[in-house]
Amino acid sequence: MVKDGFTAGEVIRIVGISYWQLDHWDRSGFIKPSLEGASGKGSERQYNFLDLVQLRVAKMLRDSGVSLGRTKKGLGGC
C-alpha cells in the first residue's frame, strides 16, 4: 500500500525533530505541509514525501550549525 501523506506525529518520528520545531517551521512559512495545512487546534497537518525529504535536509543542516537563513536559501526558499 502506498501512503498518501504523513501526519505530524509520523513526521517527527521519521525526521527526528520535535513537534515544536515542526510547528515553528510551518507557522514561519519555512516548510509548510503540501497536502493539508493546520486549520485550527486539533487539526491534522498532512505532509508528502518531498516535504519529509526537505525537513530531513533542513534538520541535518541545522544540526551542522548552518543558520536558518542559509538553510532556507539552500532549500530554494521553501
Protein backbone atom coordinates (compact mmCIF):
# COMPACT_ATOMS: atom_id res chain seq x y z
CA MET A 1 0.00 0.00 0.00
CA VAL A 2 1.32 3.43 -0.96
CA LYS A 3 0.87 6.12 1.68
CA ASP A 4 -0.78 9.37 0.54
CA GLY A 5 0.51 11.54 3.35
CA PHE A 6 2.21 11.69 6.71
CA THR A 7 0.77 13.17 9.89
CA ALA A 8 2.78 15.49 12.12
CA GLY A 9 3.29 12.62 14.58
CA GLU A 10 4.71 10.39 11.86
CA VAL A 11 6.91 13.22 10.56
CA ILE A 12 8.52 13.94 13.92
CA ARG A 13 9.34 10.23 14.36
CA ILE A 14 10.70 9.80 10.82
CA VAL A 15 12.63 13.07 10.58
CA GLY A 16 13.76 13.26 14.19
CA ILE A 17 12.57 16.76 15.06
CA SER A 18 10.35 17.95 17.85
CA TYR A 19 6.70 18.86 17.38
CA TRP A 20 7.60 22.42 18.42
CA GLN A 21 10.20 22.68 15.66
CA LEU A 22 7.83 21.25 13.04
CA ASP A 23 5.10 23.66 14.16
CA HIS A 24 7.52 26.60 14.14
CA TRP A 25 8.77 25.81 10.64
CA ASP A 26 5.17 25.57 9.40
CA ARG A 27 3.98 28.79 11.09
CA SER A 28 7.04 30.73 9.89
CA GLY A 29 6.46 29.54 6.32
CA PHE A 30 9.83 27.77 6.15
CA ILE A 31 8.48 24.33 5.23
CA LYS A 32 4.70 24.01 5.09
CA PRO A 33 2.78 20.76 4.65
CA SER A 34 1.94 20.22 0.97
CA LEU A 35 -1.17 18.11 1.39
CA GLU A 36 -3.08 19.77 4.23
CA GLY A 37 -2.16 22.64 6.50
CA ALA A 38 -3.27 23.24 10.04
CA SER A 39 -6.72 24.76 10.26
CA GLY A 40 -7.08 25.28 13.98
CA LYS A 41 -6.44 23.46 17.22
CA GLY A 42 -6.70 19.71 16.80
CA SER A 43 -6.47 19.75 13.01
CA GLU A 44 -4.03 17.35 11.39
CA ARG A 45 -1.34 18.54 9.02
CA GLN A 46 -0.52 16.21 6.14
CA TYR A 47 2.97 16.14 4.64
CA ASN A 48 4.03 14.40 1.42
CA PHE A 49 7.28 12.51 0.84
CA LEU A 50 9.08 15.54 -0.64
CA ASP A 51 8.18 17.51 2.50
CA LEU A 52 9.85 14.79 4.59
CA VAL A 53 13.00 14.98 2.45
CA GLN A 54 13.12 18.79 2.81
CA LEU A 55 12.54 18.56 6.57
CA ARG A 56 15.28 15.94 6.96
CA VAL A 57 17.78 18.01 4.95
CA ALA A 58 16.85 21.13 6.95
CA LYS A 59 17.38 19.22 10.21
CA MET A 60 20.78 17.94 9.05
CA LEU A 61 21.87 21.44 8.04
CA ARG A 62 20.68 22.99 11.31
CA ASP A 63 22.37 20.21 13.32
CA SER A 64 25.58 21.02 11.43
CA GLY A 65 25.39 24.64 12.53
CA VAL A 66 24.08 26.18 9.32
CA SER A 67 21.91 29.23 10.07
CA LEU A 68 18.19 29.11 9.33
CA GLY A 69 18.61 31.85 6.72
CA ARG A 70 21.29 29.89 4.86
CA THR A 71 19.25 26.71 5.21
CA LYS A 72 16.27 28.45 3.60
CA LYS A 73 18.49 29.58 0.72
CA GLY A 74 19.91 26.10 0.34
CA LEU A 75 16.46 24.58 0.10
CA GLY A 76 15.39 27.09 -2.53
CA GLY A 77 13.40 29.35 -0.24
CA CYS A 78 10.79 26.69 0.55
